[in-house]
Amino acid sequence: MNKELMEALDILEKEKEISKDTLFEAIENSLITACKNHFGKADNVKVEIDRETCDFLCYAEKEVVEEVEDDVLQISLEDAKEISPKAKVGDIVRVEIKSKEFGRIATQNAKNVILQKIREEERSVIYNQYYEKEKDVVTGIVQRYIGRNISINLGKADAILNESEQVKTEHFRQTDRIKVYILEVKNTPKGPRILVSRTHPELVKRLFEAEVTEIKDGTVEIMSIAREAGSRTKLAVRSNNPNVDAVGACVGVNGSRVNSIVDELCGEKIDIVNWDENPGNLIQNALSPAKIVAVFADPDEKTAKVVVPDYQLSLAIGKEGQNARLAARLTGYKIDIKSETQAKDAPGFRYEDYVYDDEEYDEYDGEGYDEEGYSEEDYDGEYDEADPGDVEYTDEDYEADAADEAADEAVDEE
């Protein structure tokens, strides 16, 4: 039994994850290559390796002839009878080839064949390993900057984090451990080329799937996600179990679950809202934390008109339009937001098209107040009465105000 060869194959199989069958095939091919280099041809050469003992036999099949013209393919009857006494002209006999007789060049070529096969199989194993993780999140270690790109070590392979897939507000140092989303795995002659991202919306989704047990087991489902990397993400979730609060499950006790994801994303804000099949309710949820007066959604045109209180307009739109933009991506609707004053002044505006019915307000408790302490009369007064800001002032009003201010200043001076 060839113990040294067996031990070497066991180590390669364990460390490189290359099957023994592949290694045996590489050895067989290397011996055939060595024979070709030694004899000039190897068409009649066969190699047999015992998979259990690693003992191998290399032989050439030669035809028995009376007069030898090609000693590589033919053997004389006299020599053949030394191998097999029953041999006769026309028979095929096996002539063993001693691998120790190979020259230095043939041996080196055989070695190169084995090493090349091992390298190819190693690249193939790594490619298959990471190809299965494509569209998933893995943890890597920052190695170095290559221009404006970052090389990330994933364990057995290096990945490239291109500048376009980096969050502008994030800055990493060598040896920092970060989570990345595998965009694509390509098989190249130099090995697998792995492209990763920190800006992809699926990164947030996969982080929630890993962090929230209810999402992993299917109790809570992520229906839609919209992200502006480094700034804010909106997530719409729904529960398939009436006893489980989807938003609460994602937030966790005292925000423990969502905070761990926020930390991984270097402080990126995350809004989690309830998914609703009713587009009007979904849009209202998506525009949170802004309060909404009314929503008119057109499912056919995928457009929606939203009316908000005057003081909530800037909150609904968000900084540089971010809140409205993310809500539009989350819902798939083109959203037009107007304040109550703007909506009333718009041509063709009919207030009754936008105002919710009484039952569409928040539910009231037994004393006639909702969870925020507003009564139904408060809502009517807030949404139905004219905004004091809409009252027009005359010149006399401005002169009277100026006189009052002057009098107040005189009193203060005295």
Protein backbone atom coordinates (compact mmCIF):
# COMPACT_ATOMS: atom_id res chain seq x y z
CA MET A 1 0.00 0.00 0.00
CA ASN A 2 1.30 3.43 -0.99
CA LYS A 3 0.83 5.19 2.37
CA GLU A 4 2.60 8.42 1.41
CA LEU A 5 0.38 8.95 -1.61
CA MET A 6 -2.75 8.12 0.41
CA GLU A 7 -1.80 10.64 3.12
CA ALA A 8 -1.11 13.34 0.53
CA LEU A 9 -4.49 12.76 -1.12
CA ASP A 10 -6.26 12.90 2.25
CA ILE A 11 -4.65 16.26 3.06
CA LEU A 12 -5.56 17.72 -0.34
CA GLU A 13 -9.14 16.52 -0.03
CA LYS A 14 -9.49 18.06 3.44
CA GLU A 15 -7.74 21.40 2.85
CA LYS A 16 -8.63 22.09 -0.77
CA GLU A 17 -11.97 20.24 -0.78
CA ILE A 18 -10.94 18.38 -3.94
CA SER A 19 -12.37 14.86 -4.28
CA LYS A 20 -9.98 11.90 -4.41
CA ASP A 21 -11.50 10.70 -7.67
CA THR A 22 -10.44 13.94 -9.33
CA LEU A 23 -6.92 13.58 -7.93
CA PHE A 24 -6.69 9.98 -9.13
CA GLU A 25 -7.70 11.09 -12.62
CA ALA A 26 -4.99 13.78 -12.48
CA ILE A 27 -2.36 11.19 -11.55
CA GLU A 28 -3.48 8.88 -14.36
CA ASN A 29 -3.29 11.70 -16.89
CA SER A 30 0.12 12.76 -15.61
CA LEU A 31 1.54 9.24 -16.07
CA ILE A 32 0.15 9.05 -19.61
CA THR A 33 1.73 12.43 -20.34
CA ALA A 34 5.06 11.22 -18.95
CA CYS A 35 4.90 8.14 -21.21
CA LYS A 36 4.19 10.35 -24.21
CA ASN A 37 7.22 12.49 -23.40
CA HIS A 38 9.41 9.44 -22.79
CA PHE A 39 8.38 7.25 -25.75
CA GLY A 40 7.12 9.88 -28.15
CA LYS A 41 3.56 8.50 -28.24
CA ALA A 42 1.13 7.08 -25.69
CA ASP A 43 -1.88 5.90 -27.70
CA ASN A 44 -1.52 2.36 -26.36
CA VAL A 45 -0.64 3.31 -22.77
CA LYS A 46 -3.08 2.56 -19.93
CA VAL A 47 -2.89 3.44 -16.24
CA GLU A 48 -4.79 1.69 -13.46
CA ILE A 49 -4.88 2.93 -9.85
CA ASP A 50 -6.37 1.03 -6.95
CA ARG A 51 -8.57 3.59 -5.10
CA GLU A 52 -8.22 1.67 -1.83
CA THR A 53 -4.47 1.08 -1.66
CA CYS A 54 -3.20 3.78 -4.06
CA ASP A 55 -1.12 1.14 -5.85
CA PHE A 56 -0.84 1.94 -9.54
CA LEU A 57 0.12 0.06 -12.68
CA CYS A 58 1.25 1.68 -15.90
CA TYR A 59 1.44 -0.55 -18.96
CA ALA A 60 1.49 -0.47 -22.76
CA GLU A 61 -0.64 -2.72 -24.92
CA LYS A 62 1.59 -4.11 -27.69
CA GLU A 63 0.83 -6.38 -30.62
CA VAL A 64 2.83 -9.61 -30.93
CA VAL A 65 4.64 -9.80 -34.29
CA GLU A 66 7.42 -11.90 -35.78
CA GLU A 67 9.43 -8.85 -36.87
CA VAL A 68 9.20 -5.63 -34.84
CA GLU A 69 8.91 -2.42 -36.87
CA ASP A 70 7.70 -0.09 -34.09
CA ASP A 71 8.94 -1.05 -30.62
CA VAL A 72 6.41 1.30 -28.99
CA LEU A 73 3.38 -0.45 -30.49
CA GLN A 74 4.79 -3.92 -31.22
CA ILE A 75 6.65 -6.70 -29.41
CA SER A 76 8.43 -9.74 -30.75
CA LEU A 77 7.00 -13.22 -30.20
CA GLU A 78 10.06 -14.21 -28.19
CA ASP A 79 9.72 -11.26 -25.80
CA ALA A 80 5.97 -11.74 -25.56
CA LYS A 81 6.36 -15.36 -24.43
CA GLU A 82 8.48 -14.16 -21.53
CA ILE A 83 5.48 -12.17 -20.35
CA SER A 84 2.83 -14.71 -21.33
CA PRO A 85 3.93 -18.22 -22.38
CA LYS A 86 0.70 -18.71 -24.35
CA ALA A 87 1.27 -15.59 -26.48
CA LYS A 88 1.14 -15.98 -30.24
CA VAL A 89 1.42 -13.72 -33.25
CA GLY A 90 -1.48 -11.25 -33.44
CA ASP A 91 -2.19 -11.24 -29.71
CA ILE A 92 -2.13 -8.11 -27.54
CA VAL A 93 0.01 -8.30 -24.44
CA ARG A 94 0.48 -5.88 -21.58
CA VAL A 95 4.02 -4.66 -21.08
CA GLU A 96 4.55 -2.97 -17.72
CA ILE A 97 6.20 0.45 -17.78
CA LYS A 98 8.41 1.38 -14.86
CA SER A 99 7.79 5.00 -13.95
CA LYS A 100 11.26 5.17 -12.36
CA GLU A 101 12.72 4.85 -15.86
CA PHE A 102 11.20 8.16 -16.94
CA GLY A 103 13.61 10.96 -17.64
CA ARG A 104 13.80 14.22 -15.70
CA ILE A 105 11.78 16.18 -18.28
CA ALA A 106 9.03 13.55 -18.43
CA THR A 107 8.82 13.48 -14.63
CA GLN A 108 8.64 17.29 -14.44
CA ASN A 109 5.85 17.35 -17.04
CA ALA A 110 3.92 14.75 -15.06
CA LYS A 111 4.30 16.87 -11.93
CA ASN A 112 3.07 19.98 -13.78
CA VAL A 113 -0.02 18.13 -15.00
CA ILE A 114 -0.95 17.18 -11.45
CA LEU A 115 -0.35 20.70 -10.09
CA GLN A 116 -2.34 22.27 -12.92
CA LYS A 117 -5.27 19.96 -12.27
CA ILE A 118 -5.17 20.74 -8.55
CA ARG A 119 -5.19 24.50 -9.26
CA GLU A 120 -8.09 24.17 -11.69
CA GLU A 121 -10.12 22.10 -9.24
CA GLU A 122 -9.34 24.50 -6.40
CA ARG A 123 -10.61 27.45 -8.46
CA SER A 124 -13.67 25.44 -9.45
CA VAL A 125 -14.44 24.55 -5.82
CA ILE A 126 -14.12 28.19 -4.73
CA TYR A 127 -16.26 29.37 -7.65
CA ASN A 128 -19.02 26.89 -6.85
CA GLN A 129 -18.86 27.74 -3.16
CA TYR A 130 -19.40 31.46 -3.71
CA TYR A 131 -21.72 31.04 -6.69
CA GLU A 132 -24.15 29.35 -4.29
CA LYS A 133 -23.93 32.46 -2.08
CA GLU A 134 -24.71 34.85 -4.93
CA LYS A 135 -27.49 37.29 -3.94
CA ASP A 136 -26.70 36.65 -0.28
CA VAL A 137 -24.83 38.44 2.51
CA VAL A 138 -21.39 37.35 3.74
CA THR A 139 -18.90 38.75 6.22
CA GLY A 140 -15.54 39.92 4.95
CA ILE A 141 -12.40 41.66 6.17
CA VAL A 142 -11.14 44.85 4.56
CA GLN A 143 -7.70 44.13 3.10
CA ARG A 144 -6.54 47.12 1.09
CA TYR A 145 -7.60 49.91 -1.24
CA ILE A 146 -7.02 49.33 -4.96
CA GLY A 147 -7.38 52.84 -6.33
CA ARG A 148 -10.88 53.78 -5.22
CA ASN A 149 -12.02 50.17 -4.98
CA ILE A 150 -11.68 48.01 -1.87
CA SER A 151 -10.41 44.44 -1.71
CA ILE A 152 -12.47 42.36 0.74
CA ASN A 153 -11.22 38.98 1.97
CA LEU A 154 -14.12 36.50 2.24
CA GLY A 155 -12.04 33.60 3.53
CA LYS A 156 -10.99 31.49 0.56
CA ALA A 157 -11.33 34.25 -2.01
CA ASP A 158 -11.04 38.01 -2.37
CA ALA A 159 -13.96 40.18 -3.48
CA ILE A 160 -13.98 43.63 -5.05
CA LEU A 161 -16.11 46.43 -3.63
CA ASN A 162 -16.27 48.90 -6.50
CA GLU A 163 -16.56 52.64 -5.87
CA SER A 164 -20.07 52.64 -7.36
CA GLU A 165 -21.18 50.06 -4.77
CA GLN A 166 -19.72 51.93 -1.79
CA VAL A 167 -21.72 54.18 0.53
CA LYS A 168 -20.22 57.66 0.34
CA THR A 169 -20.50 58.24 4.08
CA GLU A 170 -18.76 55.00 5.04
CA HIS A 171 -15.00 54.85 5.58
CA PHE A 172 -13.23 51.61 6.38
CA ARG A 173 -9.77 50.74 7.62
CA GLN A 174 -7.74 47.60 7.14
CA THR A 175 -8.91 44.60 9.19
CA ASP A 176 -12.43 46.06 9.62
CA ARG A 177 -15.08 43.34 9.49
CA ILE A 178 -18.07 44.27 7.35
CA LYS A 179 -21.06 42.55 5.78
CA VAL A 180 -21.41 42.76 2.01
CA TYR A 181 -24.00 41.62 -0.53
CA ILE A 182 -22.64 39.37 -3.29
CA LEU A 183 -23.79 40.84 -6.59
CA GLU A 184 -22.12 38.50 -9.06
CA VAL A 185 -19.59 35.67 -9.22
CA LYS A 186 -17.69 35.27 -12.49
CA ASN A 187 -15.47 32.34 -13.45
CA THR A 188 -12.23 33.58 -15.03
CA PRO A 189 -8.94 31.86 -15.97
CA LYS A 190 -7.33 33.49 -12.94
CA GLY A 191 -10.03 32.24 -10.58
CA PRO A 192 -13.46 33.47 -9.48
CA ARG A 193 -14.08 37.22 -9.64
CA ILE A 194 -16.54 38.22 -6.92
CA LEU A 195 -18.32 41.59 -7.01
CA VAL A 196 -19.96 42.80 -3.80
CA SER A 197 -22.07 45.78 -2.74
CA ARG A 198 -22.87 47.88 0.31
CA THR A 199 -25.56 49.97 -1.40
CA HIS A 200 -27.95 47.31 -2.71
CA PRO A 201 -31.45 47.29 -1.11
CA GLU A 202 -31.25 43.49 -0.79
CA LEU A 203 -28.43 43.96 1.73
CA VAL A 204 -30.92 45.42 4.22
CA LYS A 205 -33.44 42.70 3.43
CA ARG A 206 -30.92 39.91 4.02
CA LEU A 207 -29.78 41.53 7.28
CA PHE A 208 -33.37 41.54 8.54
CA GLU A 209 -33.81 37.91 7.48
CA ALA A 210 -30.74 36.97 9.50
CA GLU A 211 -31.67 39.07 12.53
CA VAL A 212 -35.46 38.56 12.77
CA THR A 213 -36.54 34.99 13.47
CA GLU A 214 -40.11 35.67 12.36
CA ILE A 215 -38.91 36.67 8.89
CA LYS A 216 -36.69 33.61 8.61
CA ASP A 217 -39.55 31.20 9.44
CA GLY A 218 -42.06 33.04 7.21
CA THR A 219 -44.31 34.45 9.94
CA VAL A 220 -43.39 38.00 8.89
CA GLU A 221 -42.86 38.83 5.24
CA ILE A 222 -40.95 41.74 3.69
CA MET A 223 -43.22 42.98 0.90
CA SER A 224 -41.28 45.95 -0.41
CA ILE A 225 -38.10 47.89 0.26
CA ALA A 226 -36.77 51.27 -0.87
CA ARG A 227 -33.32 52.51 0.02
CA GLU A 228 -31.06 55.50 -0.35
CA ALA A 229 -27.80 54.02 0.87
CA GLY A 230 -26.19 55.81 3.77
CA SER A 231 -29.23 57.94 4.51
CA ARG A 232 -32.58 56.17 4.91
CA THR A 233 -34.40 52.93 4.11
CA LYS A 234 -38.13 52.25 4.12
CA LEU A 235 -39.37 48.72 4.68
CA ALA A 236 -42.97 47.49 4.25
CA VAL A 237 -43.76 44.30 6.18
CA ARG A 238 -46.82 42.21 6.86
CA SER A 239 -47.61 39.40 9.27
CA ASN A 240 -49.06 36.05 8.22
CA ASN A 241 -50.07 35.42 11.83
CA PRO A 242 -52.75 37.69 13.34
CA ASN A 243 -51.14 37.30 16.76
CA VAL A 244 -47.77 38.64 15.59
CA ASP A 245 -47.10 42.35 15.08
CA ALA A 246 -44.93 42.62 11.97
CA VAL A 247 -43.40 46.00 12.81
CA GLY A 248 -42.82 45.06 16.44
CA ALA A 249 -41.09 41.83 15.45
CA CYS A 250 -38.69 43.73 13.19
CA VAL A 251 -37.99 46.43 15.77
CA GLY A 252 -37.41 44.01 18.65
CA VAL A 253 -37.44 44.64 22.39
CA ASN A 254 -36.32 48.22 22.99
CA GLY A 255 -35.28 48.36 19.33
CA SER A 256 -32.61 45.69 19.80
CA ARG A 257 -33.10 44.03 16.41
CA VAL A 258 -33.33 47.10 14.22
CA ASN A 259 -30.53 48.84 16.13
CA SER A 260 -28.08 46.04 15.39
CA ILE A 261 -28.84 46.45 11.69
CA VAL A 262 -28.53 50.23 11.93
CA ASP A 263 -25.11 49.78 13.55
CA GLU A 264 -24.02 47.45 10.74
CA LEU A 265 -25.13 50.10 8.22
CA CYS A 266 -23.15 52.80 10.05
CA GLY A 267 -26.16 54.71 11.37
CA GLU A 268 -28.44 54.56 8.32
CA LYS A 269 -32.03 55.35 9.40
CA ILE A 270 -34.65 52.64 8.86
CA ASP A 271 -38.41 53.20 8.71
CA ILE A 272 -40.54 50.06 9.13
CA VAL A 273 -44.21 50.35 8.13
CA ASN A 274 -47.14 47.97 7.79
CA TRP A 275 -47.99 46.66 4.34
CA ASP A 276 -51.62 47.11 3.26
CA GLU A 277 -53.39 45.77 0.18
CA ASN A 278 -55.35 49.02 0.04
CA PRO A 279 -53.06 51.41 -1.89
CA GLY A 280 -54.44 54.43 -0.04
CA ASN A 281 -53.58 52.96 3.36
CA LEU A 282 -50.21 51.76 2.10
CA ILE A 283 -49.30 55.21 0.83
CA GLN A 284 -50.40 56.73 4.12
CA ASN A 285 -48.17 54.29 6.00
CA ALA A 286 -45.27 54.84 3.61
CA LEU A 287 -45.32 58.61 4.17
CA SER A 288 -44.94 58.24 7.93
CA PRO A 289 -44.08 59.95 10.20
CA ALA A 290 -46.11 62.64 8.43
CA LYS A 291 -49.85 62.82 9.21
CA ILE A 292 -52.13 62.48 6.19
CA VAL A 293 -55.50 64.18 5.71
CA ALA A 294 -56.58 62.13 2.70
CA VAL A 295 -55.31 59.97 -0.14
CA PHE A 296 -56.82 59.42 -3.58
CA ALA A 297 -55.05 56.55 -5.37
CA ASP A 298 -55.60 55.46 -8.97
CA PRO A 299 -54.54 51.78 -9.23
CA ASP A 300 -54.81 51.81 -13.03
CA GLU A 301 -52.55 54.80 -13.56
CA LYS A 302 -50.40 54.01 -10.51
CA THR A 303 -50.72 57.61 -9.34
CA ALA A 304 -51.85 59.06 -6.04
CA LYS A 305 -52.83 62.49 -4.78
CA VAL A 306 -52.13 63.11 -1.11
CA VAL A 307 -53.37 65.98 1.07
CA VAL A 308 -51.54 66.79 4.29
CA PRO A 309 -52.01 69.54 6.90
CA ASP A 310 -50.13 72.71 6.03
CA TYR A 311 -47.70 72.29 8.92
CA GLN A 312 -46.95 68.69 7.84
CA LEU A 313 -46.07 69.42 4.21
CA SER A 314 -42.33 69.71 4.70
CA LEU A 315 -42.29 66.56 6.86
CA ALA A 316 -44.25 64.58 4.26
CA ILE A 317 -41.92 65.63 1.45
CA GLY A 318 -38.80 65.20 3.56
CA LYS A 319 -35.33 66.69 3.22
CA GLU A 320 -34.67 67.26 -0.47
CA GLY A 321 -37.82 65.23 -1.22
CA GLN A 322 -36.40 62.04 0.29
CA ASN A 323 -39.47 60.92 2.24
CA ALA A 324 -41.80 61.29 -0.74
CA ARG A 325 -39.25 59.71 -3.09
CA LEU A 326 -38.78 56.63 -0.92
CA ALA A 327 -42.53 56.31 -0.38
CA ALA A 328 -43.03 56.35 -4.16
CA ARG A 329 -40.45 53.59 -4.63
CA LEU A 330 -41.90 51.56 -1.77
CA THR A 331 -45.47 51.67 -3.07
CA GLY A 332 -44.82 51.83 -6.81
CA TYR A 333 -47.09 54.88 -7.11
CA LYS A 334 -46.28 58.33 -8.42
CA ILE A 335 -47.27 60.49 -5.46
CA ASP A 336 -48.36 64.13 -5.68
CA ILE A 337 -48.36 65.77 -2.23
CA LYS A 338 -50.22 68.99 -1.53
CA SER A 339 -51.01 70.91 1.60
CA GLU A 340 -54.66 71.62 2.39
CA THR A 341 -54.28 75.22 1.22
CA GLN A 342 -52.63 74.18 -2.05
CA ALA A 343 -55.24 71.50 -2.65
CA LYS A 344 -58.16 73.89 -2.13
CA ASP A 345 -56.63 76.41 -4.53
CA ALA A 346 -55.94 73.75 -7.20
CA PRO A 347 -58.24 73.92 -10.25
CA GLY A 348 -60.97 71.30 -10.24
CA PHE A 349 -60.34 70.41 -6.62
CA ARG A 350 -63.29 68.89 -4.82
CA TYR A 351 -62.64 68.52 -1.14
CA GLU A 352 -65.17 65.72 -0.76
CA ASP A 353 -63.05 63.54 -3.06
CA TYR A 354 -60.24 63.60 -0.53
CA VAL A 355 -61.80 63.75 2.93
CA TYR A 356 -62.14 60.42 4.71
CA ASP A 357 -65.48 59.36 6.13
CA ASP A 358 -65.85 59.37 9.89
CA GLU A 359 -65.15 55.65 10.13
CA GLU A 360 -61.87 56.21 8.30
CA TYR A 361 -60.51 58.25 11.19
CA ASP A 362 -58.61 56.49 13.93
CA GLU A 363 -60.85 54.47 16.20
CA TYR A 364 -62.08 56.34 19.26
CA ASP A 365 -62.17 54.97 22.74
CA GLY A 366 -65.25 54.88 24.95
CA GLU A 367 -64.90 58.54 25.91
CA GLY A 368 -64.72 59.78 22.34
CA TYR A 369 -60.95 60.30 22.11
CA ASP A 370 -58.42 58.54 19.94
CA GLU A 371 -55.07 57.19 21.10
CA GLU A 372 -53.42 60.60 20.69
CA GLY A 373 -56.05 62.42 22.75
CA TYR A 374 -57.99 64.06 19.89
CA SER A 375 -61.75 63.96 19.74
CA GLU A 376 -63.82 63.80 16.58
CA GLU A 377 -64.62 67.51 16.94
CA ASP A 378 -60.89 68.25 17.05
CA TYR A 379 -60.42 66.51 13.71
CA ASP A 380 -63.36 68.33 12.18
CA GLY A 381 -62.04 71.63 13.45
CA GLU A 382 -58.53 70.92 12.18
CA TYR A 383 -59.42 69.67 8.73
CA ASP A 384 -62.71 71.35 7.82
CA GLU A 385 -62.31 74.89 9.08
CA ALA A 386 -60.35 77.46 7.11
CA ASP A 387 -56.71 77.85 8.02
CA PRO A 388 -56.10 81.16 9.83
CA GLY A 389 -53.17 81.59 7.51
CA ASP A 390 -55.59 81.91 4.60
CA VAL A 391 -57.20 85.17 5.94
CA GLU A 392 -56.39 88.19 3.78
CA TYR A 393 -55.10 91.38 5.57
CA THR A 394 -56.01 94.89 4.41
CA ASP A 395 -53.78 98.00 4.53
CA GLU A 396 -55.76 99.22 7.54
CA ASP A 397 -54.95 95.98 9.39
CA TYR A 398 -51.21 96.40 8.77
CA GLU A 399 -51.36 100.11 9.90
CA ALA A 400 -53.21 99.13 13.08
CA ASP A 401 -50.65 96.40 13.84
CA ALA A 402 -47.80 98.85 13.30
CA ALA A 403 -49.41 101.38 15.67
CA ASP A 404 -49.85 98.73 18.35
CA GLU A 405 -46.20 97.68 18.05
CA ALA A 406 -45.04 101.30 18.32
CA ALA A 407 -47.13 101.79 21.45
CA ASP A 408 -45.70 98.64 23.02
CA GLU A 409 -42.15 99.81 22.30
CA ALA A 410 -42.87 103.22 23.89
CA VAL A 411 -44.18 101.54 27.03
CA ASP A 412 -41.06 99.34 27.22
CA GLU A 413 -38.77 102.38 26.91
CA GLU A 414 -40.56 104.19 29.77
